[in-house]
Amino acid sequence: MTSNKDKNKKANEILYAFSIIG
């Protein structure tokens, strides 16, 4: 089970990637 911090980190990385692509 992943902790909330890990989930937030992954979400932030995805948002960061999308901000570059966009």
PDB file of N, CA and C in Angstrom:
ATOM      1  N   MET A   1       0.851  -1.207   0.000  1.00  0.00           N
ATOM      2  CA  MET A   1       0.000   0.000   0.000  1.00  0.00           C
ATOM      3  C   MET A   1       0.885   1.256   0.000  1.00  0.00           C
ATOM      4  N   THR A   2       0.604   2.130  -0.926  1.00  0.00           N
ATOM      5  CA  THR A   2       1.409   3.349  -1.024  1.00  0.00           C
ATOM      6  C   THR A   2       0.874   4.406  -0.070  1.00  0.00           C
ATOM      7  N   SER A   3       1.770   5.196   0.473  1.00  0.00           N
ATOM      8  CA  SER A   3       1.362   6.256   1.386  1.00  0.00           C
ATOM      9  C   SER A   3       0.835   7.449   0.600  1.00  0.00           C
ATOM     10  N   ASN A   4       0.180   8.367   1.310  1.00  0.00           N
ATOM     11  CA  ASN A   4      -0.382   9.545   0.652  1.00  0.00           C
ATOM     12  C   ASN A   4       0.712  10.376   0.005  1.00  0.00           C
ATOM     13  N   LYS A   5       1.860  10.459   0.683  1.00  0.00           N
ATOM     14  CA  LYS A   5       2.976  11.245   0.141  1.00  0.00           C
ATOM     15  C   LYS A   5       3.410  10.698  -1.207  1.00  0.00           C
ATOM     16  N   ASP A   6       3.493   9.354  -1.311  1.00  0.00           N
ATOM     17  CA  ASP A   6       3.902   8.739  -2.578  1.00  0.00           C
ATOM     18  C   ASP A   6       2.892   9.046  -3.668  1.00  0.00           C
ATOM     19  N   LYS A   7       1.605   9.004  -3.313  1.00  0.00           N
ATOM     20  CA  LYS A   7       0.566   9.297  -4.309  1.00  0.00           C
ATOM     21  C   LYS A   7       0.691  10.742  -4.780  1.00  0.00           C
ATOM     22  N   ASN A   8       0.892  11.661  -3.830  1.00  0.00           N
ATOM     23  CA  ASN A   8       1.024  13.069  -4.187  1.00  0.00           C
ATOM     24  C   ASN A   8       2.247  13.294  -5.063  1.00  0.00           C
ATOM     25  N   LYS A   9       3.329  12.597  -4.741  1.00  0.00           N
ATOM     26  CA  LYS A   9       4.555  12.756  -5.525  1.00  0.00           C
ATOM     27  C   LYS A   9       4.316  12.308  -6.964  1.00  0.00           C
ATOM     28  N   LYS A  10       3.645  11.173  -7.121  1.00  0.00           N
ATOM     29  CA  LYS A  10       3.384  10.652  -8.463  1.00  0.00           C
ATOM     30  C   LYS A  10       2.463  11.609  -9.213  1.00  0.00           C
ATOM     31  N   ALA A  11       1.439  12.112  -8.543  1.00  0.00           N
ATOM     32  CA  ALA A  11       0.495  13.030  -9.180  1.00  0.00           C
ATOM     33  C   ALA A  11       1.220  14.299  -9.612  1.00  0.00           C
ATOM     34  N   ASN A  12       2.108  14.800  -8.761  1.00  0.00           N
ATOM     35  CA  ASN A  12       2.857  16.012  -9.101  1.00  0.00           C
ATOM     36  C   ASN A  12       3.748  15.787 -10.309  1.00  0.00           C
ATOM     37  N   GLU A  13       4.368  14.612 -10.375  1.00  0.00           N
ATOM     38  CA  GLU A  13       5.235  14.307 -11.524  1.00  0.00           C
ATOM     39  C   GLU A  13       4.430  14.252 -12.807  1.00  0.00           C
ATOM     40  N   ILE A  14       3.220  13.679 -12.729  1.00  0.00           N
ATOM     41  CA  ILE A  14       2.359  13.586 -13.914  1.00  0.00           C
ATOM     42  C   ILE A  14       1.913  14.987 -14.342  1.00  0.00           C
ATOM     43  N   LEU A  15       1.498  15.804 -13.378  1.00  0.00           N
ATOM     44  CA  LEU A  15       1.070  17.165 -13.701  1.00  0.00           C
ATOM     45  C   LEU A  15       2.226  17.952 -14.310  1.00  0.00           C
ATOM     46  N   TYR A  16       3.429  17.750 -13.762  1.00  0.00           N
ATOM     47  CA  TYR A  16       4.613  18.436 -14.273  1.00  0.00           C
ATOM     48  C   TYR A  16       4.883  18.037 -15.716  1.00  0.00           C
ATOM     49  N   ALA A  17       4.768  16.739 -15.992  1.00  0.00           N
ATOM     50  CA  ALA A  17       4.991  16.256 -17.352  1.00  0.00           C
ATOM     51  C   ALA A  17       3.959  16.852 -18.302  1.00  0.00           C
ATOM     52  N   PHE A  18       2.702  16.888 -17.865  1.00  0.00           N
ATOM     53  CA  PHE A  18       1.653  17.442 -18.727  1.00  0.00           C
ATOM     54  C   PHE A  18       1.875  18.934 -18.970  1.00  0.00           C
ATOM     55  N   SER A  19       2.365  19.644 -17.958  1.00  0.00           N
ATOM     56  CA  SER A  19       2.597  21.081 -18.123  1.00  0.00           C
ATOM     57  C   SER A  19       3.681  21.326 -19.165  1.00  0.00           C
ATOM     58  N   ILE A  20       4.652  20.416 -19.261  1.00  0.00           N
ATOM     59  CA  ILE A  20       5.711  20.556 -20.271  1.00  0.00           C
ATOM     60  C   ILE A  20       5.149  20.229 -21.655  1.00  0.00           C
ATOM     61  N   ILE A  21       4.377  19.150 -21.728  1.00  0.00           N
ATOM     62  CA  ILE A  21       3.805  18.736 -23.022  1.00  0.00           C
ATOM     63  C   ILE A  21       2.826  19.801 -23.519  1.00  0.00           C
ATOM     64  N   GLY A  22       2.006  20.289 -22.603  1.00  0.00           N
ATOM     65  CA  GLY A  22       0.971  21.254 -22.968  1.00  0.00           C
ATOM     66  C   GLY A  22       1.584  22.565 -23.385  1.00  0.00           C
TER      67      GLY A  22
END
